[in-house]
PDB file of N, CA and C in Angstrom:
ATOM      1  N   UNK A   1       0.947  -1.436   0.027  1.00  0.00           N
ATOM      2  CA  UNK A   1       0.171  -0.244   0.200  1.00  0.00           C
ATOM      3  C   UNK A   1       0.641   1.226  -0.121  1.00  0.00           C
ATOM      4  N   UNK A   2       0.680   2.018  -0.699  1.00  0.00           N
ATOM      5  CA  UNK A   2       1.263   3.524  -1.000  1.00  0.00           C
ATOM      6  C   UNK A   2       0.735   4.543  -0.468  1.00  0.00           C
ATOM      7  N   UNK A   3       1.262   5.438  -0.157  1.00  0.00           N
ATOM      8  CA  UNK A   3       0.333   6.702   1.014  1.00  0.00           C
ATOM      9  C   UNK A   3       1.121   8.079  -0.425  1.00  0.00           C
ATOM     10  N   UNK A   4      -0.041   8.802  -1.047  1.00  0.00           N
ATOM     11  CA  UNK A   4       0.672   9.815  -1.434  1.00  0.00           C
ATOM     12  C   UNK A   4      -0.104  11.526  -0.982  1.00  0.00           C
ATOM     13  N   UNK A   5       0.830  12.233  -1.037  1.00  0.00           N
ATOM     14  CA  UNK A   5       0.139  13.343  -0.679  1.00  0.00           C
ATOM     15  C   UNK A   5       0.120  14.200  -1.708  1.00  0.00           C
ATOM     16  N   UNK A   6      -1.038  14.992  -2.304  1.00  0.00           N
ATOM     17  CA  UNK A   6      -1.361  15.712  -3.564  1.00  0.00           C
ATOM     18  C   UNK A   6      -1.549  17.157  -3.303  1.00  0.00           C
ATOM     19  N   UNK A   7      -1.046  17.943  -3.588  1.00  0.00           N
ATOM     20  CA  UNK A   7      -0.812  19.594  -3.740  1.00  0.00           C
ATOM     21  C   UNK A   7      -0.986  20.474  -4.734  1.00  0.00           C
ATOM     22  N   UNK A   8      -2.452  21.113  -4.485  1.00  0.00           N
ATOM     23  CA  UNK A   8      -2.320  22.102  -5.600  1.00  0.00           C
ATOM     24  C   UNK A   8      -0.845  23.192  -5.554  1.00  0.00           C
ATOM     25  N   UNK A   9      -0.553  23.597  -7.106  1.00  0.00           N
ATOM     26  CA  UNK A   9       0.271  23.959  -7.347  1.00  0.00           C
ATOM     27  C   UNK A   9       0.093  25.621  -7.334  1.00  0.00           C
ATOM     28  N   UNK A  10      -0.912  25.875  -8.048  1.00  0.00           N
ATOM     29  CA  UNK A  10      -0.858  27.722  -7.958  1.00  0.00           C
ATOM     30  C   UNK A  10      -2.392  27.826  -7.582  1.00  0.00           C
ATOM     31  N   UNK A  11      -3.011  29.117  -7.298  1.00  0.00           N
ATOM     32  CA  UNK A  11      -4.345  29.217  -7.387  1.00  0.00           C
ATOM     33  C   UNK A  11      -4.862  29.631  -8.667  1.00  0.00           C
ATOM     34  N   UNK A  12      -6.084  29.300  -8.780  1.00  0.00           N
ATOM     35  CA  UNK A  12      -7.023  29.359  -9.612  1.00  0.00           C
ATOM     36  C   UNK A  12      -8.515  29.358  -9.539  1.00  0.00           C
ATOM     37  N   UNK A  13      -9.174  30.082 -10.460  1.00  0.00           N
ATOM     38  CA  UNK A  13     -10.536  29.762 -10.160  1.00  0.00           C
ATOM     39  C   UNK A  13     -11.057  29.572 -11.834  1.00  0.00           C
ATOM     40  N   UNK A  14     -11.518  28.392 -11.637  1.00  0.00           N
ATOM     41  CA  UNK A  14     -12.096  27.380 -13.107  1.00  0.00           C
ATOM     42  C   UNK A  14     -13.418  27.195 -12.998  1.00  0.00           C
ATOM     43  N   UNK A  15     -14.505  27.217 -14.001  1.00  0.00           N
ATOM     44  CA  UNK A  15     -16.002  26.895 -13.909  1.00  0.00           C
ATOM     45  C   UNK A  15     -16.684  27.024 -12.527  1.00  0.00           C
ATOM     46  N   UNK A  16     -16.097  28.588 -11.878  1.00  0.00           N
ATOM     47  CA  UNK A  16     -16.953  28.534 -10.680  1.00  0.00           C
ATOM     48  C   UNK A  16     -16.163  28.182  -9.211  1.00  0.00           C
ATOM     49  N   UNK A  17     -15.098  27.238  -9.726  1.00  0.00           N
ATOM     50  CA  UNK A  17     -14.591  26.537  -8.553  1.00  0.00           C
ATOM     51  C   UNK A  17     -13.020  27.280  -8.179  1.00  0.00           C
ATOM     52  N   UNK A  18     -12.902  27.481  -6.956  1.00  0.00           N
ATOM     53  CA  UNK A  18     -11.790  28.198  -6.307  1.00  0.00           C
ATOM     54  C   UNK A  18     -10.718  27.269  -5.847  1.00  0.00           C
ATOM     55  N   UNK A  19      -9.678  27.060  -6.309  1.00  0.00           N
ATOM     56  CA  UNK A  19      -8.525  26.249  -5.468  1.00  0.00           C
ATOM     57  C   UNK A  19      -7.410  27.200  -5.098  1.00  0.00           C
ATOM     58  N   UNK A  20      -7.039  27.232  -4.020  1.00  0.00           N
ATOM     59  CA  UNK A  20      -5.852  27.631  -3.286  1.00  0.00           C
ATOM     60  C   UNK A  20      -4.439  27.065  -3.370  1.00  0.00           C
ATOM     61  N   UNK A  21      -3.593  27.890  -3.368  1.00  0.00           N
ATOM     62  CA  UNK A  21      -1.959  26.704  -3.710  1.00  0.00           C
ATOM     63  C   UNK A  21      -2.052  26.522  -2.589  1.00  0.00           C
ATOM     64  N   UNK A  22      -1.484  25.168  -2.234  1.00  0.00           N
ATOM     65  CA  UNK A  22      -1.072  24.503  -0.657  1.00  0.00           C
ATOM     66  C   UNK A  22      -1.960  23.902  -0.601  1.00  0.00           C
ATOM     67  N   UNK A  23      -3.322  23.649  -1.200  1.00  0.00           N
ATOM     68  CA  UNK A  23      -4.461  23.278  -0.547  1.00  0.00           C
ATOM     69  C   UNK A  23      -4.053  21.410  -1.002  1.00  0.00           C
ATOM     70  N   UNK A  24      -4.010  20.692   0.244  1.00  0.00           N
ATOM     71  CA  UNK A  24      -3.520  18.930  -0.071  1.00  0.00           C
ATOM     72  C   UNK A  24      -4.335  17.788   0.451  1.00  0.00           C
ATOM     73  N   UNK A  25      -4.318  17.262  -0.076  1.00  0.00           N
ATOM     74  CA  UNK A  25      -4.952  16.183   0.461  1.00  0.00           C
ATOM     75  C   UNK A  25      -3.911  14.559   0.646  1.00  0.00           C
ATOM     76  N   UNK A  26      -4.551  13.705   1.417  1.00  0.00           N
ATOM     77  CA  UNK A  26      -3.876  12.380   1.322  1.00  0.00           C
ATOM     78  C   UNK A  26      -4.334  11.364   0.792  1.00  0.00           C
ATOM     79  N   UNK A  27      -3.857  10.477  -0.227  1.00  0.00           N
ATOM     80  CA  UNK A  27      -4.357   9.448  -0.730  1.00  0.00           C
ATOM     81  C   UNK A  27      -3.785   8.035  -0.508  1.00  0.00           C
ATOM     82  N   UNK A  28      -4.208   7.022  -0.322  1.00  0.00           N
ATOM     83  CA  UNK A  28      -3.674   5.417   0.225  1.00  0.00           C
ATOM     84  C   UNK A  28      -4.000   4.832  -0.940  1.00  0.00           C
ATOM     85  N   UNK A  29      -3.238   4.322  -1.769  1.00  0.00           N
ATOM     86  CA  UNK A  29      -3.774   3.439  -3.011  1.00  0.00           C
ATOM     87  C   UNK A  29      -3.252   2.282  -2.070  1.00  0.00           C
ATOM     88  N   UNK A  30      -3.607   0.944  -3.352  1.00  0.00           N
ATOM     89  CA  UNK A  30      -3.223  -0.625  -3.245  1.00  0.00           C
ATOM     90  C   UNK A  30      -2.368  -0.612  -4.086  1.00  0.00           C
ATOM     91  N   UNK A  31      -1.837   0.302  -5.439  1.00  0.00           N
ATOM     92  CA  UNK A  31      -0.701  -0.218  -6.011  1.00  0.00           C
ATOM     93  C   UNK A  31       0.264   1.059  -6.025  1.00  0.00           C
ATOM     94  N   UNK A  32       1.363   0.831  -6.272  1.00  0.00           N
ATOM     95  CA  UNK A  32       2.128   2.196  -6.499  1.00  0.00           C
ATOM     96  C   UNK A  32       1.976   3.061  -7.872  1.00  0.00           C
ATOM     97  N   UNK A  33       1.054   2.873  -8.481  1.00  0.00           N
ATOM     98  CA  UNK A  33       0.925   4.001  -9.530  1.00  0.00           C
ATOM     99  C   UNK A  33       0.360   5.104  -9.147  1.00  0.00           C
ATOM    100  N   UNK A  34       0.722   6.051  -9.918  1.00  0.00           N
ATOM    101  CA  UNK A  34       0.023   7.685  -9.738  1.00  0.00           C
ATOM    102  C   UNK A  34      -1.467   7.849  -9.891  1.00  0.00           C
ATOM    103  N   UNK A  35      -2.036   8.037  -8.337  1.00  0.00           N
ATOM    104  CA  UNK A  35      -3.229   7.795  -8.402  1.00  0.00           C
ATOM    105  C   UNK A  35      -4.126   9.376  -9.094  1.00  0.00           C
ATOM    106  N   UNK A  36      -3.358  10.282  -9.746  1.00  0.00           N
ATOM    107  CA  UNK A  36      -3.990  11.376 -10.260  1.00  0.00           C
ATOM    108  C   UNK A  36      -4.427  10.854 -11.431  1.00  0.00           C
ATOM    109  N   UNK A  37      -3.622  10.041 -12.322  1.00  0.00           N
ATOM    110  CA  UNK A  37      -3.818   9.260 -13.345  1.00  0.00           C
ATOM    111  C   UNK A  37      -4.574   7.524 -13.250  1.00  0.00           C
ATOM    112  N   UNK A  38      -4.260   7.057 -12.691  1.00  0.00           N
ATOM    113  CA  UNK A  38      -5.148   5.884 -12.334  1.00  0.00           C
ATOM    114  C   UNK A  38      -6.543   5.648 -12.140  1.00  0.00           C
ATOM    115  N   UNK A  39      -7.543   5.095 -13.004  1.00  0.00           N
ATOM    116  CA  UNK A  39      -8.668   4.897 -12.278  1.00  0.00           C
ATOM    117  C   UNK A  39      -9.275   6.285 -12.659  1.00  0.00           C
ATOM    118  N   UNK A  40      -8.857   7.239 -13.821  1.00  0.00           N
ATOM    119  CA  UNK A  40      -9.683   8.668 -13.750  1.00  0.00           C
ATOM    120  C   UNK A  40      -9.401   9.598 -12.685  1.00  0.00           C
ATOM    121  N   UNK A  41      -8.508   9.034 -11.690  1.00  0.00           N
ATOM    122  CA  UNK A  41      -8.010   9.845 -10.694  1.00  0.00           C
ATOM    123  C   UNK A  41      -9.282  10.076  -9.701  1.00  0.00           C
ATOM    124  N   UNK A  42     -10.126   9.180  -9.590  1.00  0.00           N
ATOM    125  CA  UNK A  42     -11.422   8.805  -8.876  1.00  0.00           C
ATOM    126  C   UNK A  42     -10.917   8.963  -7.071  1.00  0.00           C
ATOM    127  N   UNK A  43      -9.707   8.764  -6.830  1.00  0.00           N
ATOM    128  CA  UNK A  43      -9.720   8.476  -5.376  1.00  0.00           C
ATOM    129  C   UNK A  43      -9.075  10.258  -4.776  1.00  0.00           C
ATOM    130  N   UNK A  44      -8.545  10.857  -5.910  1.00  0.00           N
ATOM    131  CA  UNK A  44      -8.178  12.006  -5.631  1.00  0.00           C
ATOM    132  C   UNK A  44      -9.024  12.973  -5.754  1.00  0.00           C
ATOM    133  N   UNK A  45      -9.576  12.985  -6.806  1.00  0.00           N
ATOM    134  CA  UNK A  45     -11.044  13.710  -6.439  1.00  0.00           C
ATOM    135  C   UNK A  45     -12.032  13.644  -5.364  1.00  0.00           C
ATOM    136  N   UNK A  46     -12.699  12.274  -5.267  1.00  0.00           N
ATOM    137  CA  UNK A  46     -13.088  12.015  -3.930  1.00  0.00           C
ATOM    138  C   UNK A  46     -12.400  12.716  -2.603  1.00  0.00           C
ATOM    139  N   UNK A  47     -11.287  12.710  -2.518  1.00  0.00           N
ATOM    140  CA  UNK A  47     -10.498  13.036  -1.130  1.00  0.00           C
ATOM    141  C   UNK A  47     -10.760  14.736  -1.487  1.00  0.00           C
ATOM    142  N   UNK A  48     -10.602  15.536  -2.696  1.00  0.00           N
ATOM    143  CA  UNK A  48     -11.129  16.607  -2.551  1.00  0.00           C
ATOM    144  C   UNK A  48     -12.318  16.990  -2.420  1.00  0.00           C
ATOM    145  N   UNK A  49     -13.055  16.472  -2.526  1.00  0.00           N
ATOM    146  CA  UNK A  49     -14.733  16.656  -2.582  1.00  0.00           C
ATOM    147  C   UNK A  49     -14.633  16.311  -1.060  1.00  0.00           C
ATOM    148  N   UNK A  50     -14.011  15.249  -0.373  1.00  0.00           N
ATOM    149  CA  UNK A  50     -14.120  15.376   1.217  1.00  0.00           C
ATOM    150  C   UNK A  50     -13.815  16.188   2.103  1.00  0.00           C
ATOM    151  N   UNK A  51     -12.399  16.728   1.629  1.00  0.00           N
ATOM    152  CA  UNK A  51     -11.708  17.214   2.613  1.00  0.00           C
ATOM    153  C   UNK A  51     -12.162  19.031   2.337  1.00  0.00           C
ATOM    154  N   UNK A  52     -12.452  19.450   1.085  1.00  0.00           N
ATOM    155  CA  UNK A  52     -12.337  20.864   0.740  1.00  0.00           C
ATOM    156  C   UNK A  52     -14.010  20.700   0.326  1.00  0.00           C
ATOM    157  N   UNK A  53     -14.515  20.402  -0.311  1.00  0.00           N
ATOM    158  CA  UNK A  53     -16.074  20.426  -0.733  1.00  0.00           C
ATOM    159  C   UNK A  53     -15.881  20.737  -2.079  1.00  0.00           C
ATOM    160  N   UNK A  54     -14.587  20.691  -2.797  1.00  0.00           N
ATOM    161  CA  UNK A  54     -14.507  21.017  -4.435  1.00  0.00           C
ATOM    162  C   UNK A  54     -14.402  19.957  -5.513  1.00  0.00           C
ATOM    163  N   UNK A  55     -14.885  20.114  -6.456  1.00  0.00           N
ATOM    164  CA  UNK A  55     -14.816  19.122  -7.375  1.00  0.00           C
ATOM    165  C   UNK A  55     -13.487  19.172  -8.393  1.00  0.00           C
ATOM    166  N   UNK A  56     -12.258  18.824  -8.093  1.00  0.00           N
ATOM    167  CA  UNK A  56     -11.148  19.426  -9.187  1.00  0.00           C
ATOM    168  C   UNK A  56     -10.953  18.859 -10.495  1.00  0.00           C
ATOM    169  N   UNK A  57     -11.878  17.636 -10.804  1.00  0.00           N
ATOM    170  CA  UNK A  57     -11.919  17.239 -11.849  1.00  0.00           C
ATOM    171  C   UNK A  57     -12.666  18.196 -12.641  1.00  0.00           C
ATOM    172  N   UNK A  58     -14.111  18.618 -12.095  1.00  0.00           N
ATOM    173  CA  UNK A  58     -14.931  19.366 -12.865  1.00  0.00           C
ATOM    174  C   UNK A  58     -13.981  20.860 -13.191  1.00  0.00           C
ATOM    175  N   UNK A  59     -13.234  21.729 -12.134  1.00  0.00           N
ATOM    176  CA  UNK A  59     -12.303  22.594 -12.285  1.00  0.00           C
ATOM    177  C   UNK A  59     -11.307  22.738 -13.433  1.00  0.00           C
ATOM    178  N   UNK A  60     -11.102  21.344 -13.681  1.00  0.00           N
ATOM    179  CA  UNK A  60     -10.345  21.016 -14.942  1.00  0.00           C
ATOM    180  C   UNK A  60      -8.777  20.932 -14.615  1.00  0.00           C
ATOM    181  N   UNK A  61      -8.550  20.696 -13.611  1.00  0.00           N
ATOM    182  CA  UNK A  61      -7.489  20.991 -12.445  1.00  0.00           C
ATOM    183  C   UNK A  61      -6.781  19.483 -12.060  1.00  0.00           C
ATOM    184  N   UNK A  62      -7.379  18.278 -12.500  1.00  0.00           N
ATOM    185  CA  UNK A  62      -7.203  16.706 -12.131  1.00  0.00           C
ATOM    186  C   UNK A  62      -5.623  16.788 -13.285  1.00  0.00           C
ATOM    187  N   UNK A  63      -4.429  16.923 -13.114  1.00  0.00           N
ATOM    188  CA  UNK A  63      -3.487  16.949 -14.079  1.00  0.00           C
ATOM    189  C   UNK A  63      -2.368  16.804 -13.218  1.00  0.00           C
ATOM    190  N   UNK A  64      -1.239  16.570 -13.323  1.00  0.00           N
ATOM    191  CA  UNK A  64       0.306  17.070 -12.725  1.00  0.00           C
ATOM    192  C   UNK A  64       0.402  18.009 -13.470  1.00  0.00           C
ATOM    193  N   UNK A  65       0.103  18.714 -14.120  1.00  0.00           N
ATOM    194  CA  UNK A  65       0.392  20.150 -14.314  1.00  0.00           C
ATOM    195  C   UNK A  65       0.154  21.211 -13.388  1.00  0.00           C
ATOM    196  N   UNK A  66      -0.980  20.832 -12.777  1.00  0.00           N
ATOM    197  CA  UNK A  66      -1.206  21.414 -11.659  1.00  0.00           C
ATOM    198  C   UNK A  66      -1.628  21.036 -10.184  1.00  0.00           C
ATOM    199  N   UNK A  67      -1.634  20.026 -10.173  1.00  0.00           N
ATOM    200  CA  UNK A  67      -1.231  18.888  -8.953  1.00  0.00           C
ATOM    201  C   UNK A  67      -0.006  18.359  -8.751  1.00  0.00           C
ATOM    202  N   UNK A  68       0.792  18.567  -7.669  1.00  0.00           N
ATOM    203  CA  UNK A  68       2.204  18.034  -7.166  1.00  0.00           C
ATOM    204  C   UNK A  68       1.936  16.870  -6.223  1.00  0.00           C
ATOM    205  N   UNK A  69       2.703  15.684  -6.636  1.00  0.00           N
ATOM    206  CA  UNK A  69       2.248  14.563  -5.879  1.00  0.00           C
ATOM    207  C   UNK A  69       3.617  14.023  -5.438  1.00  0.00           C
ATOM    208  N   UNK A  70       3.480  13.731  -4.352  1.00  0.00           N
ATOM    209  CA  UNK A  70       4.719  13.301  -3.362  1.00  0.00           C
ATOM    210  C   UNK A  70       4.225  11.754  -3.160  1.00  0.00           C
ATOM    211  N   UNK A  71       5.197  10.836  -2.886  1.00  0.00           N
ATOM    212  CA  UNK A  71       4.697   9.837  -2.531  1.00  0.00           C
ATOM    213  C   UNK A  71       5.408   9.799  -0.800  1.00  0.00           C
ATOM    214  N   UNK A  72       4.463   9.458   0.358  1.00  0.00           N
ATOM    215  CA  UNK A  72       4.668   9.511   1.358  1.00  0.00           C
ATOM    216  C   UNK A  72       5.496   8.154   1.752  1.00  0.00           C
ATOM    217  N   UNK A  73       5.187   6.964   1.935  1.00  0.00           N
ATOM    218  CA  UNK A  73       5.816   5.614   2.142  1.00  0.00           C
ATOM    219  C   UNK A  73       5.492   4.857   0.901  1.00  0.00           C
TER     220      UNK A  73
END
């Protein structure tokens, strides 16, 4: 099992959704694959919705261009 920290790289407002630089979530996965691109990023989308109440996919920011990925373990 791998634990990842996903952090927003820069502030933006898209489709009425505001993301602030530094917003971060932690996602545990059963595999060592990138959770941003695996399974449509569902775990990352769910985590941002649960923690901040924002749909990062609808904001068009579900990409490593906008998110920093750090493997914790």
